[in-house]
Amino acid sequence: MKYLLPLLLLTLLATPLHAQEAFEKDVIKTSGGDLEITFIGHGTLMMKFGGKVIHVDPFSKVADYSKLPKADLLLITHEHQDHLDMAVIGAIRRPDTRVVLTEEGAKKLSDGMIMKNGDVQTVLGVKIEAVPAYNLVHKRENGQPYHPKGQGNGYVLTFGATRLYIAGDTENTPEMTALKNIDVAFLPMNLPYTMTPEMVADAAKAFKPKVLYPYHTGDSDVTKLISLMNDAGNVEVKIRKMK
């Protein structure tokens, strides 16, 4: 018995974090049926709708993808390795998996469907709108934005009559604040690469999603966003494990 506790501790330390905990899930009712969202972590989401599985920016550091269902549709917001992880993409693709990505992403993964900023496509019955994702303020030491304009996408996905916006790595751009009729929004809050809580609140108050999920939050103080959104009327802020 005296060896049991140290052995248990060693087992826990040797087990990846993502194997120790179940991912949080929400179910959103739409006119086309239930939309199940799994909050995996970082900028990574998984959704199920109409019998199809959608993976967004799968990243091997936040999940054991051998234990997750393979993708019918794979959405890549931009080419950075924590969003376009070639190793994990190979693990979750089937021969018939549809892949949507950017021009820069296609330089790494050449057999997907390229969507440029402003493009609209329907894939597996889901309408997809590509929204520009880029930095206005936060830049590298050489003065270049972490995410230059024209290279990254956010995506507005339509499920039945429900419009869901996944912003990708971006700040509160004019294209974001001009969005209309967004029911669910995922906005990043991970400094210095994306937005401050103030930027997220500014954007959400402008386009007024019914539900706001901060995601890709890193070490940001999500409670600050809740405080900033207290006067935002009908925008419901939901916090999930998306570090």
Protein backbone atom coordinates (compact mmCIF):
# COMPACT_ATOMS: atom_id res chain seq x y z
CA MET A 1 0.00 0.00 0.00
CA LYS A 2 2.85 2.40 0.75
CA TYR A 3 3.90 2.30 -2.92
CA LEU A 4 0.40 2.85 -4.28
CA LEU A 5 0.28 6.65 -3.93
CA PRO A 6 3.67 7.35 -5.58
CA LEU A 7 2.76 4.94 -8.39
CA LEU A 8 -0.53 6.74 -8.95
CA LEU A 9 1.26 10.11 -9.01
CA LEU A 10 3.78 8.86 -11.58
CA THR A 11 0.94 7.54 -13.75
CA LEU A 12 -0.83 10.90 -13.68
CA LEU A 13 2.36 12.78 -14.52
CA ALA A 14 3.04 10.47 -17.44
CA THR A 15 -0.47 10.85 -18.86
CA PRO A 16 -1.03 13.69 -21.35
CA LEU A 17 -3.35 16.36 -20.03
CA HIS A 18 -5.86 15.88 -22.83
CA ALA A 19 -6.17 12.18 -21.92
CA GLN A 20 -7.11 12.98 -18.33
CA GLU A 21 -10.19 15.07 -18.97
CA ALA A 22 -13.28 14.93 -21.10
CA PHE A 23 -13.83 17.84 -23.46
CA GLU A 24 -16.74 20.15 -22.78
CA LYS A 25 -19.63 20.10 -25.22
CA ASP A 26 -22.61 22.29 -25.99
CA VAL A 27 -25.61 21.47 -28.14
CA ILE A 28 -27.24 24.29 -30.11
CA LYS A 29 -30.71 23.83 -31.53
CA THR A 30 -31.00 24.87 -35.17
CA SER A 31 -33.77 24.66 -37.75
CA GLY A 32 -31.75 21.88 -39.42
CA GLY A 33 -31.24 19.81 -36.29
CA ASP A 34 -28.85 19.76 -33.35
CA LEU A 35 -25.39 21.25 -33.70
CA GLU A 36 -22.96 19.68 -31.22
CA ILE A 37 -19.82 21.68 -30.48
CA THR A 38 -16.83 20.09 -28.74
CA PHE A 39 -14.38 22.55 -27.18
CA ILE A 40 -11.00 20.90 -27.65
CA GLY A 41 -8.56 23.70 -26.88
CA HIS A 42 -6.28 26.34 -28.39
CA GLY A 43 -7.99 27.32 -31.68
CA THR A 44 -9.41 23.83 -32.11
CA LEU A 45 -13.07 22.87 -32.32
CA MET A 46 -15.03 19.83 -33.42
CA MET A 47 -18.66 19.99 -34.53
CA LYS A 48 -21.26 17.42 -35.47
CA PHE A 49 -24.25 18.32 -37.61
CA GLY A 50 -26.51 16.26 -39.83
CA GLY A 51 -24.42 13.15 -39.31
CA LYS A 52 -21.23 14.94 -40.43
CA VAL A 53 -18.09 15.70 -38.41
CA ILE A 54 -16.35 19.05 -38.84
CA HIS A 55 -12.88 19.67 -37.44
CA VAL A 56 -11.52 23.22 -37.19
CA ASP A 57 -7.75 23.81 -36.95
CA PRO A 58 -6.94 20.42 -35.36
CA PHE A 59 -3.76 20.58 -33.26
CA SER A 60 -1.94 17.51 -31.96
CA LYS A 61 -0.88 19.17 -28.69
CA VAL A 62 -4.44 19.48 -27.40
CA ALA A 63 -6.00 16.11 -28.25
CA ASP A 64 -5.32 12.48 -29.03
CA TYR A 65 -6.91 12.40 -32.46
CA SER A 66 -6.74 8.62 -32.65
CA LYS A 67 -9.65 8.70 -30.20
CA LEU A 68 -11.73 11.27 -32.11
CA PRO A 69 -13.93 10.67 -35.16
CA LYS A 70 -12.43 11.35 -38.56
CA ALA A 71 -13.42 14.48 -40.43
CA ASP A 72 -16.06 14.80 -43.12
CA LEU A 73 -15.12 18.48 -43.40
CA LEU A 74 -11.84 20.04 -42.29
CA LEU A 75 -11.55 23.83 -41.95
CA ILE A 76 -8.13 25.48 -41.75
CA THR A 77 -8.04 29.20 -40.93
CA HIS A 78 -4.38 29.84 -41.80
CA GLU A 79 -1.00 28.25 -42.36
CA HIS A 80 0.65 28.52 -38.93
CA GLN A 81 1.65 25.15 -37.51
CA ASP A 82 -0.69 25.35 -34.52
CA HIS A 83 -3.60 25.69 -36.96
CA LEU A 84 -2.34 23.63 -39.90
CA ASP A 85 -0.78 20.63 -38.18
CA MET A 86 0.15 18.22 -40.97
CA ALA A 87 0.70 15.26 -38.64
CA VAL A 88 -2.76 15.38 -37.13
CA ILE A 89 -4.45 16.15 -40.45
CA GLY A 90 -3.08 12.89 -41.78
CA ALA A 91 -4.59 11.09 -38.80
CA ILE A 92 -8.14 12.41 -39.16
CA ARG A 93 -8.57 12.56 -42.94
CA ARG A 94 -10.35 9.95 -44.99
CA PRO A 95 -10.07 9.76 -48.78
CA ASP A 96 -13.39 11.61 -49.09
CA THR A 97 -12.73 14.29 -46.43
CA ARG A 98 -13.40 17.77 -47.79
CA VAL A 99 -10.73 20.32 -46.87
CA VAL A 100 -11.21 24.11 -46.93
CA LEU A 101 -8.13 26.29 -46.49
CA THR A 102 -6.31 29.46 -47.56
CA GLU A 103 -3.86 30.07 -50.40
CA GLU A 104 -0.96 30.09 -47.96
CA GLY A 105 -2.25 26.89 -46.39
CA ALA A 106 -2.39 25.24 -49.80
CA LYS A 107 1.39 25.60 -50.05
CA LYS A 108 1.59 23.00 -47.28
CA LEU A 109 -1.55 21.00 -48.05
CA SER A 110 -2.10 21.08 -51.79
CA ASP A 111 -5.26 19.03 -52.28
CA GLY A 112 -7.82 21.19 -50.46
CA MET A 113 -10.32 23.76 -51.71
CA ILE A 114 -8.91 27.28 -51.49
CA MET A 115 -11.18 30.02 -50.19
CA LYS A 116 -10.01 33.62 -50.39
CA ASN A 117 -11.33 36.44 -48.20
CA GLY A 118 -14.91 37.13 -49.28
CA ASP A 119 -15.48 33.78 -51.02
CA VAL A 120 -18.69 31.84 -50.39
CA GLN A 121 -19.06 28.09 -50.92
CA THR A 122 -21.44 25.35 -49.86
CA VAL A 123 -19.73 22.13 -48.76
CA LEU A 124 -21.63 19.05 -47.56
CA GLY A 125 -24.73 21.21 -47.19
CA VAL A 126 -23.01 23.84 -45.03
CA LYS A 127 -22.72 27.36 -46.39
CA ILE A 128 -19.23 28.73 -45.72
CA GLU A 129 -18.29 32.41 -45.94
CA ALA A 130 -14.60 33.36 -45.69
CA VAL A 131 -14.06 36.49 -43.56
CA PRO A 132 -10.70 38.31 -43.48
CA ALA A 133 -8.59 37.53 -40.40
CA TYR A 134 -5.60 39.76 -39.70
CA ASN A 135 -3.79 42.05 -37.26
CA LEU A 136 -4.16 45.81 -37.16
CA VAL A 137 -2.13 46.57 -34.02
CA HIS A 138 -0.03 43.62 -32.85
CA LYS A 139 3.15 43.14 -34.87
CA ARG A 140 6.50 41.35 -34.81
CA GLU A 141 9.73 43.17 -33.98
CA ASN A 142 10.34 43.75 -37.69
CA GLY A 143 7.04 45.63 -37.98
CA GLN A 144 5.18 42.86 -39.81
CA PRO A 145 1.76 41.87 -38.45
CA TYR A 146 1.57 38.44 -36.86
CA HIS A 147 -1.22 37.75 -39.34
CA PRO A 148 -1.03 39.89 -42.50
CA LYS A 149 -4.21 40.98 -44.24
CA GLY A 150 -5.32 38.67 -47.03
CA GLN A 151 -3.63 35.50 -45.76
CA GLY A 152 -6.00 34.19 -43.08
CA ASN A 153 -9.69 33.36 -42.96
CA GLY A 154 -12.38 33.37 -40.38
CA TYR A 155 -15.45 31.37 -41.38
CA VAL A 156 -19.17 31.99 -41.04
CA LEU A 157 -20.92 28.62 -41.18
CA THR A 158 -24.67 28.31 -41.66
CA PHE A 159 -26.42 25.36 -40.01
CA GLY A 160 -30.10 25.44 -40.88
CA ALA A 161 -30.83 29.11 -40.18
CA THR A 162 -28.13 29.45 -37.50
CA ARG A 163 -25.01 31.45 -38.40
CA LEU A 164 -21.83 30.57 -36.52
CA TYR A 165 -18.66 32.64 -36.83
CA ILE A 166 -15.20 31.22 -36.12
CA ALA A 167 -12.87 34.20 -36.30
CA GLY A 168 -9.46 32.52 -36.60
CA ASP A 169 -6.39 34.50 -35.56
CA THR A 170 -7.43 38.12 -35.95
CA GLU A 171 -8.12 41.43 -34.28
CA ASN A 172 -11.36 43.42 -34.31
CA THR A 173 -11.21 44.32 -37.98
CA PRO A 174 -13.78 46.43 -39.87
CA GLU A 175 -14.91 43.26 -41.67
CA MET A 176 -15.61 41.59 -38.34
CA THR A 177 -17.50 44.47 -36.77
CA ALA A 178 -19.64 44.77 -39.93
CA LEU A 179 -20.95 41.20 -39.66
CA LYS A 180 -24.72 40.77 -39.50
CA ASN A 181 -27.07 38.20 -38.01
CA ILE A 182 -24.46 36.12 -36.19
CA ASP A 183 -25.98 33.71 -33.69
CA VAL A 184 -22.78 32.20 -32.27
CA ALA A 185 -19.29 33.73 -32.36
CA PHE A 186 -15.88 32.37 -31.42
CA LEU A 187 -13.45 35.26 -30.91
CA PRO A 188 -9.73 34.77 -30.08
CA MET A 189 -8.13 36.44 -27.09
CA ASN A 190 -4.49 35.35 -27.08
CA LEU A 191 -1.85 38.08 -26.76
CA PRO A 192 0.21 39.22 -28.51
CA TYR A 193 -1.13 37.38 -31.54
CA THR A 194 -4.82 38.25 -31.49
CA MET A 195 -7.11 40.37 -29.31
CA THR A 196 -7.17 41.94 -25.88
CA PRO A 197 -10.36 41.50 -23.84
CA GLU A 198 -11.18 45.10 -24.76
CA MET A 199 -10.89 44.31 -28.48
CA VAL A 200 -13.13 41.27 -28.13
CA ALA A 201 -15.73 43.31 -26.25
CA ASP A 202 -15.53 46.10 -28.85
CA ALA A 203 -16.19 43.64 -31.67
CA ALA A 204 -18.96 41.76 -29.89
CA LYS A 205 -20.77 44.98 -29.01
CA ALA A 206 -20.56 46.03 -32.67
CA PHE A 207 -21.95 42.93 -34.41
CA LYS A 208 -23.91 41.57 -31.42
CA PRO A 209 -23.81 37.76 -31.62
CA LYS A 210 -26.44 36.07 -29.51
CA VAL A 211 -23.76 33.86 -27.92
CA LEU A 212 -20.08 34.76 -27.55
CA TYR A 213 -17.41 32.17 -26.83
CA PRO A 214 -13.91 33.51 -26.22
CA TYR A 215 -11.52 30.88 -27.56
CA HIS A 216 -7.79 30.44 -28.19
CA THR A 217 -7.45 32.41 -24.95
CA GLY A 218 -3.91 31.46 -23.85
CA ASP A 219 -3.21 33.14 -20.51
CA SER A 220 -5.79 35.91 -20.97
CA ASP A 221 -8.09 36.81 -18.10
CA VAL A 222 -11.48 35.72 -19.40
CA THR A 223 -13.21 37.17 -16.34
CA LYS A 224 -12.21 40.62 -17.58
CA LEU A 225 -14.20 40.03 -20.75
CA ILE A 226 -17.26 39.10 -18.70
CA SER A 227 -16.96 42.40 -16.86
CA LEU A 228 -16.55 44.35 -20.10
CA MET A 229 -19.64 42.70 -21.56
CA ASN A 230 -21.93 43.45 -18.61
CA ASP A 231 -23.59 46.28 -20.51
CA ALA A 232 -23.78 44.44 -23.85
CA GLY A 233 -27.49 43.77 -23.77
CA ASN A 234 -28.49 40.44 -25.26
CA VAL A 235 -24.99 39.02 -25.90
CA GLU A 236 -24.55 35.92 -23.74
CA VAL A 237 -20.90 35.20 -22.88
CA LYS A 238 -20.11 31.53 -22.37
CA ILE A 239 -16.72 30.44 -21.01
CA ARG A 240 -15.41 27.00 -21.94
CA LYS A 241 -11.99 25.38 -21.62
CA MET A 242 -10.31 26.75 -24.73
CA LYS A 243 -6.81 27.71 -23.53
